[in-house]
């Protein structure tokens, strides 16, 4: 999990993907195109492989409700590494969305984090004025920033209320942590966990290294947790091709 998507004292390096080189090669194969990379992400979504460089556990059950949308995104080279659906006042005892003690209610803003090429990142930013409830932050390895989020615009994306208790906010998106603590690590994992599986002269090494160098890391929050559709902006891009 990205440390930008949590409390500030959680840091992702304690949870790196640790499967053996042999397992990683078996899971990820020898991709030659971006479609091959997409296929690896799709296998992860389907539970057919054990992890990705940024995730060493299977998806949480809450992802089932958005699984078809996530598949569509990955097929179209939005390579997702973290996501959650919107939730409006689920019981804290709910088996999928609930957390904390019994007797409360919990909420979630829809959230998605992914890698994509510069052209698609630019298109997302171009469309932002049309999707006024979305907050988007993007950065590439070189540190180029895109989006409509300021460095101090911290957003709670999961919260809950219980009788006799203050509002609890266990999950936030912090733009400063995204840039200062997560960006370098997220791009490095393309190389240390994936590209380095292959000979440096191989097409697979070149492909994965190229993705790391050129793609943007993006996170989007939909602030309308009642009626929002975080996937509408992606659908517009995909359908316009």
Protein backbone atom coordinates (compact mmCIF):
# COMPACT_ATOMS: atom_id res chain seq x y z
CA UNK A 1 0.00 0.00 0.00
CA UNK A 2 1.21 3.48 -0.85
CA UNK A 3 2.12 5.48 2.28
CA UNK A 4 0.23 8.39 0.75
CA UNK A 5 -2.88 6.25 1.24
CA UNK A 6 -2.68 5.78 5.00
CA UNK A 7 -1.58 7.32 8.26
CA UNK A 8 1.69 9.23 8.08
CA UNK A 9 3.57 6.75 10.29
CA UNK A 10 3.05 3.85 7.86
CA UNK A 11 5.88 3.39 5.38
CA UNK A 12 5.68 0.99 2.49
CA UNK A 13 9.21 -0.47 2.63
CA UNK A 14 8.15 -2.75 5.47
CA UNK A 15 5.71 -4.48 3.12
CA UNK A 16 7.69 -4.98 -0.10
CA UNK A 17 7.01 -7.87 -2.41
CA UNK A 18 9.38 -10.59 -1.19
CA UNK A 19 8.69 -13.65 -3.36
CA UNK A 20 11.71 -15.41 -4.84
CA UNK A 21 13.22 -14.55 -8.19
CA UNK A 22 11.91 -17.85 -9.58
CA UNK A 23 8.36 -17.07 -8.44
CA UNK A 24 8.50 -13.57 -9.89
CA UNK A 25 9.73 -14.87 -13.23
CA UNK A 26 6.95 -17.46 -13.26
CA UNK A 27 4.30 -14.90 -12.33
CA UNK A 28 5.41 -12.06 -14.60
CA UNK A 29 6.99 -13.89 -17.52
CA UNK A 30 9.02 -12.01 -20.14
CA UNK A 31 6.86 -9.11 -21.37
CA UNK A 32 7.71 -7.57 -24.73
CA UNK A 33 4.90 -5.00 -25.10
CA UNK A 34 2.68 -2.82 -22.93
CA UNK A 35 -0.14 -5.28 -23.65
CA UNK A 36 2.02 -8.00 -22.06
CA UNK A 37 2.49 -5.79 -18.99
CA UNK A 38 -1.27 -5.24 -18.88
CA UNK A 39 -1.79 -9.01 -18.94
CA UNK A 40 0.31 -9.37 -15.77
CA UNK A 41 -1.87 -6.82 -13.97
CA UNK A 42 -5.00 -8.58 -15.22
CA UNK A 43 -3.73 -11.91 -13.88
CA UNK A 44 -3.21 -10.25 -10.51
CA UNK A 45 -6.77 -8.89 -10.53
CA UNK A 46 -8.03 -12.39 -11.34
CA UNK A 47 -6.05 -13.95 -8.49
CA UNK A 48 -3.94 -16.01 -10.89
CA UNK A 49 -0.60 -14.69 -9.60
CA UNK A 50 0.52 -13.96 -6.07
CA UNK A 51 1.44 -10.30 -6.32
CA UNK A 52 2.97 -7.31 -8.07
CA UNK A 53 6.05 -5.26 -7.14
CA UNK A 54 3.79 -2.91 -5.14
CA UNK A 55 1.47 -5.56 -3.64
CA UNK A 56 2.46 -8.86 -2.05
CA UNK A 57 -1.07 -9.84 -1.01
CA UNK A 58 -4.27 -10.59 -2.90
CA UNK A 59 -6.90 -7.90 -3.45
CA UNK A 60 -9.32 -7.21 -0.63
CA UNK A 61 -12.93 -8.44 -1.10
CA UNK A 62 -14.17 -4.84 -1.44
CA UNK A 63 -12.45 -4.70 -4.85
CA UNK A 64 -14.98 -7.21 -6.21
CA UNK A 65 -17.57 -4.48 -6.70
CA UNK A 66 -15.23 -2.56 -9.03
CA UNK A 67 -13.37 -5.52 -10.57
CA UNK A 68 -14.81 -5.10 -14.08
CA UNK A 69 -13.86 -1.42 -14.15
CA UNK A 70 -10.35 -2.23 -12.93
CA UNK A 71 -9.96 -4.85 -15.66
CA UNK A 72 -11.00 -2.32 -18.29
CA UNK A 73 -8.50 0.21 -16.99
CA UNK A 74 -5.62 -2.25 -17.02
CA UNK A 75 -6.47 -3.50 -20.51
CA UNK A 76 -6.12 0.13 -21.60
CA UNK A 77 -2.75 0.64 -19.87
CA UNK A 78 -3.85 2.30 -16.65
CA UNK A 79 -1.85 -0.10 -14.47
CA UNK A 80 -3.64 -0.04 -11.10
CA UNK A 81 -1.83 -0.68 -7.81
CA UNK A 82 -4.37 0.54 -5.23
CA UNK A 83 -8.09 1.25 -5.24
CA UNK A 84 -11.27 1.34 -3.19
CA UNK A 85 -14.96 1.88 -4.04
CA UNK A 86 -17.10 4.61 -2.51
CA UNK A 87 -19.13 3.59 0.54
CA UNK A 88 -21.95 5.54 2.17
CA UNK A 89 -22.79 4.64 5.77
CA UNK A 90 -22.06 0.92 5.82
CA UNK A 91 -22.46 -0.72 9.21
CA UNK A 92 -19.14 -1.13 10.97
CA UNK A 93 -19.98 -4.85 11.31
CA UNK A 94 -20.23 -5.24 7.51
CA UNK A 95 -18.09 -8.21 6.41
CA UNK A 96 -16.70 -6.40 3.38
CA UNK A 97 -16.53 -2.70 4.23
CA UNK A 98 -16.79 -2.65 8.02
CA UNK A 99 -14.01 -1.93 10.51
CA UNK A 100 -13.65 -0.87 14.13
CA UNK A 101 -16.06 -1.80 16.94
CA UNK A 102 -19.68 -2.75 16.42
CA UNK A 103 -22.42 -0.14 16.45
CA UNK A 104 -20.92 2.39 14.09
CA UNK A 105 -21.12 3.49 10.47
CA UNK A 106 -18.28 3.87 7.96
CA UNK A 107 -17.73 5.84 4.77
CA UNK A 108 -15.24 5.76 1.91
CA UNK A 109 -14.38 8.03 -0.99
CA UNK A 110 -13.56 6.17 -4.18
CA UNK A 111 -9.81 6.12 -4.74
CA UNK A 112 -7.50 4.73 -7.40
CA UNK A 113 -3.71 4.78 -7.85
CA UNK A 114 -2.02 3.66 -11.06
CA UNK A 115 0.77 4.11 -13.58
CA UNK A 116 0.04 5.36 -17.09
CA UNK A 117 1.83 6.84 -20.10
CA UNK A 118 2.35 10.63 -20.46
CA UNK A 119 -0.31 10.90 -23.17
CA UNK A 120 -3.01 9.38 -20.98
CA UNK A 121 -1.89 11.36 -17.93
CA UNK A 122 -2.16 14.57 -19.96
CA UNK A 123 -5.63 13.58 -21.19
CA UNK A 124 -6.84 12.98 -17.63
CA UNK A 125 -5.64 16.44 -16.59
CA UNK A 126 -7.24 17.99 -19.68
CA UNK A 127 -10.60 16.48 -18.71
CA UNK A 128 -10.46 17.45 -15.02
CA UNK A 129 -12.52 20.66 -15.39
CA UNK A 130 -15.41 18.50 -16.58
CA UNK A 131 -15.15 16.19 -13.54
CA UNK A 132 -15.30 18.69 -10.72
CA UNK A 133 -15.46 16.19 -7.84
CA UNK A 134 -12.13 14.58 -8.73
CA UNK A 135 -8.80 15.41 -7.12
CA UNK A 136 -5.84 14.21 -9.20
CA UNK A 137 -2.12 14.15 -8.49
CA UNK A 138 0.46 12.78 -10.94
CA UNK A 139 4.25 12.67 -10.99
CA UNK A 140 6.89 10.98 -13.12
CA UNK A 141 10.30 9.67 -12.11
CA UNK A 142 11.97 12.95 -13.04
CA UNK A 143 9.62 14.82 -10.69
CA UNK A 144 7.28 16.48 -13.19
CA UNK A 145 3.94 17.18 -11.47
CA UNK A 146 0.46 17.30 -12.98
CA UNK A 147 -3.02 17.71 -11.48
CA UNK A 148 -5.22 19.94 -9.36
CA UNK A 149 -3.98 19.07 -5.84
CA UNK A 150 -1.83 21.28 -3.62
CA UNK A 151 0.90 19.81 -1.41
CA UNK A 152 -1.12 20.60 1.73
CA UNK A 153 -4.44 19.23 0.44
CA UNK A 154 -4.67 16.19 2.72
CA UNK A 155 -7.89 14.24 2.20
CA UNK A 156 -9.57 11.68 4.45
CA UNK A 157 -10.76 8.80 2.26
CA UNK A 158 -12.01 6.46 4.99
CA UNK A 159 -13.80 7.52 8.17
CA UNK A 160 -16.27 6.26 10.70
CA UNK A 161 -18.60 7.37 13.49
CA UNK A 162 -19.53 5.53 16.71
CA UNK A 163 -21.76 6.52 19.64
CA UNK A 164 -19.84 8.56 22.20
CA UNK A 165 -16.78 8.86 19.97
CA UNK A 166 -15.13 11.45 17.78
CA UNK A 167 -14.96 10.81 14.03
CA UNK A 168 -12.18 8.31 13.26
CA UNK A 169 -10.14 8.85 10.07
CA UNK A 170 -7.82 5.83 9.65
CA UNK A 171 -6.98 6.43 5.98
CA UNK A 172 -5.85 9.64 4.28
CA UNK A 173 -4.30 10.67 1.01
CA UNK A 174 -1.37 12.99 1.67
CA UNK A 175 0.09 14.76 -1.40
CA UNK A 176 3.38 15.54 0.35
CA UNK A 177 3.94 11.91 1.30
CA UNK A 178 3.01 10.84 -2.24
CA UNK A 179 5.81 13.03 -3.63
CA UNK A 180 8.41 12.90 -0.86
CA UNK A 181 8.15 9.34 0.46
CA UNK A 182 6.41 7.23 -2.16
CA UNK A 183 7.30 8.49 -5.65
CA UNK A 184 10.94 7.39 -5.71
CA UNK A 185 10.18 4.00 -4.19
CA UNK A 186 7.25 3.31 -6.50
CA UNK A 187 9.33 3.87 -9.62
CA UNK A 188 12.35 2.05 -8.22
CA UNK A 189 10.27 -1.10 -7.70
CA UNK A 190 9.73 -1.40 -11.46
CA UNK A 191 13.48 -1.99 -11.71
CA UNK A 192 14.53 -3.75 -8.51
CA UNK A 193 11.62 -6.20 -8.47
CA UNK A 194 10.85 -6.60 -12.18
CA UNK A 195 13.37 -5.29 -14.76
CA UNK A 196 16.31 -6.79 -12.88
CA UNK A 197 14.85 -10.26 -13.43
CA UNK A 198 16.17 -10.06 -17.01
CA UNK A 199 19.51 -9.57 -18.71
CA UNK A 200 20.15 -5.86 -19.21
CA UNK A 201 20.38 -6.32 -22.98
CA UNK A 202 17.04 -8.13 -23.19
CA UNK A 203 13.83 -6.62 -24.63
CA UNK A 204 11.98 -7.32 -21.37
CA UNK A 205 14.52 -5.37 -19.31
CA UNK A 206 14.33 -2.47 -21.76
CA UNK A 207 10.52 -2.45 -21.72
CA UNK A 208 10.12 -2.41 -17.93
CA UNK A 209 12.92 0.13 -17.49
CA UNK A 210 11.29 2.32 -20.13
CA UNK A 211 7.96 2.21 -18.27
CA UNK A 212 9.74 3.27 -15.09
CA UNK A 213 11.44 6.18 -16.84
CA UNK A 214 8.50 7.52 -18.84
CA UNK A 215 5.20 6.67 -17.13
CA UNK A 216 3.40 8.79 -14.52
CA UNK A 217 2.29 7.61 -11.09
CA UNK A 218 -1.23 8.97 -10.55
CA UNK A 219 -3.74 9.00 -7.72
CA UNK A 220 -7.35 10.14 -8.01
CA UNK A 221 -9.87 10.75 -5.23
CA UNK A 222 -13.58 11.20 -6.00
CA UNK A 223 -14.85 13.57 -3.31
CA UNK A 224 -18.49 12.72 -4.07
CA UNK A 225 -18.88 9.68 -1.82
CA UNK A 226 -22.66 9.68 -2.33
CA UNK A 227 -23.15 9.59 -6.10
CA UNK A 228 -19.72 9.89 -7.69
CA UNK A 229 -18.36 7.76 -10.54
CA UNK A 230 -14.56 7.76 -10.45
CA UNK A 231 -14.41 5.65 -13.61
CA UNK A 232 -16.36 8.06 -15.86
CA UNK A 233 -13.25 10.06 -16.78
CA UNK A 234 -11.44 6.87 -17.83
CA UNK A 235 -14.45 5.68 -19.82
CA UNK A 236 -14.46 8.93 -21.77
CA UNK A 237 -10.80 8.48 -22.72
CA UNK A 238 -11.22 4.84 -23.66
CA UNK A 239 -14.41 5.35 -25.68
CA UNK A 240 -12.87 8.23 -27.67
CA UNK A 241 -10.24 6.01 -29.29
